[in-house]
């Protein structure tokens, strides 16, 4: 169980860093990386049912963790951007 926390924290941090790195060129791309990871992880959960057994359960668990991590990173990015917009108008 502790391994999933570590995987989740690493995925959240990497998705946030990746989305801010991609958004330097185009600010609207910021939300794309976590959305793509979320869609891929849902696909992997479906494939894990086809694999079956303990291996399929492990793949499904890791991909579900990736899905939850992508949702959390989307939430963090959204809150950070809204706070940035809200506080930037006070300091202009």
Protein backbone atom coordinates (compact mmCIF):
# COMPACT_ATOMS: atom_id res chain seq x y z
CA UNK A 1 0.00 0.00 0.00
CA UNK A 2 2.87 2.35 0.72
CA UNK A 3 4.19 1.81 -2.79
CA UNK A 4 1.00 3.21 -4.28
CA UNK A 5 1.37 6.40 -2.23
CA UNK A 6 4.88 6.86 -3.55
CA UNK A 7 3.79 6.16 -7.14
CA UNK A 8 0.90 8.58 -6.74
CA UNK A 9 3.05 11.38 -5.34
CA UNK A 10 5.65 10.92 -8.08
CA UNK A 11 2.97 10.93 -10.78
CA UNK A 12 1.25 14.02 -9.40
CA UNK A 13 4.54 15.92 -9.22
CA UNK A 14 5.64 14.83 -12.68
CA UNK A 15 2.29 15.71 -14.25
CA UNK A 16 2.34 19.17 -12.70
CA UNK A 17 5.92 19.79 -13.84
CA UNK A 18 5.16 18.44 -17.31
CA UNK A 19 2.05 20.56 -17.74
CA UNK A 20 3.82 23.73 -16.63
CA UNK A 21 6.77 22.93 -18.91
CA UNK A 22 4.42 22.48 -21.85
CA UNK A 23 2.48 25.63 -21.02
CA UNK A 24 5.47 27.91 -21.43
CA UNK A 25 4.97 27.87 -25.19
CA UNK A 26 1.16 27.78 -25.21
CA UNK A 27 -0.76 28.49 -21.99
CA UNK A 28 -3.83 26.54 -23.11
CA UNK A 29 -1.89 23.24 -23.23
CA UNK A 30 -1.56 23.21 -19.44
CA UNK A 31 -4.50 20.85 -18.91
CA UNK A 32 -3.74 18.46 -21.77
CA UNK A 33 -1.04 16.26 -20.15
CA UNK A 34 -3.13 15.18 -17.11
CA UNK A 35 -6.15 14.59 -19.35
CA UNK A 36 -4.15 12.34 -21.68
CA UNK A 37 -2.78 10.35 -18.74
CA UNK A 38 -6.31 9.99 -17.36
CA UNK A 39 -7.69 8.67 -20.65
CA UNK A 40 -4.78 6.24 -21.08
CA UNK A 41 -5.17 4.96 -17.53
CA UNK A 42 -8.88 4.28 -18.09
CA UNK A 43 -7.92 2.28 -21.17
CA UNK A 44 -5.36 0.32 -19.19
CA UNK A 45 -7.97 -0.48 -16.51
CA UNK A 46 -10.19 -1.96 -19.21
CA UNK A 47 -7.26 -3.97 -20.60
CA UNK A 48 -6.41 -5.22 -17.09
CA UNK A 49 -9.76 -7.02 -16.99
CA UNK A 50 -8.74 -8.86 -20.14
CA UNK A 51 -5.38 -9.86 -18.63
CA UNK A 52 -6.96 -11.32 -15.51
CA UNK A 53 -5.31 -12.93 -12.50
CA UNK A 54 -2.98 -11.24 -10.07
CA UNK A 55 -1.04 -9.53 -12.85
CA UNK A 56 -4.21 -7.94 -14.18
CA UNK A 57 -5.14 -6.80 -10.69
CA UNK A 58 -1.75 -5.14 -10.21
CA UNK A 59 -1.90 -3.43 -13.61
CA UNK A 60 -5.45 -2.27 -12.86
CA UNK A 61 -4.44 -0.93 -9.45
CA UNK A 62 -1.49 1.01 -10.82
CA UNK A 63 -3.55 2.44 -13.68
CA UNK A 64 -6.33 3.40 -11.27
CA UNK A 65 -3.70 5.16 -9.17
CA UNK A 66 -2.56 6.96 -12.33
CA UNK A 67 -6.14 8.04 -13.01
CA UNK A 68 -6.60 9.41 -9.48
CA UNK A 69 -3.21 11.15 -9.73
CA UNK A 70 -4.21 12.81 -12.99
CA UNK A 71 -7.44 14.06 -11.42
CA UNK A 72 -5.58 15.43 -8.40
CA UNK A 73 -2.99 17.14 -10.60
CA UNK A 74 -5.77 18.70 -12.70
CA UNK A 75 -7.36 20.00 -9.52
CA UNK A 76 -4.07 21.42 -8.24
CA UNK A 77 -3.33 23.10 -11.58
CA UNK A 78 -6.83 24.59 -11.73
CA UNK A 79 -6.64 25.93 -8.16
CA UNK A 80 -3.16 27.36 -8.74
CA UNK A 81 -4.23 29.11 -11.93
CA UNK A 82 -7.41 30.55 -10.41
CA UNK A 83 -5.50 31.77 -7.37
CA UNK A 84 -2.86 33.27 -9.64
CA UNK A 85 -5.52 35.11 -11.64
CA UNK A 86 -7.32 36.26 -8.50
CA UNK A 87 -4.25 37.60 -6.73
CA UNK A 88 -2.61 39.06 -9.83
CA UNK A 89 -5.40 41.61 -10.27
CA UNK A 90 -4.80 42.86 -6.72
CA UNK A 91 -1.10 43.46 -7.35
CA UNK A 92 -1.34 45.26 -10.69
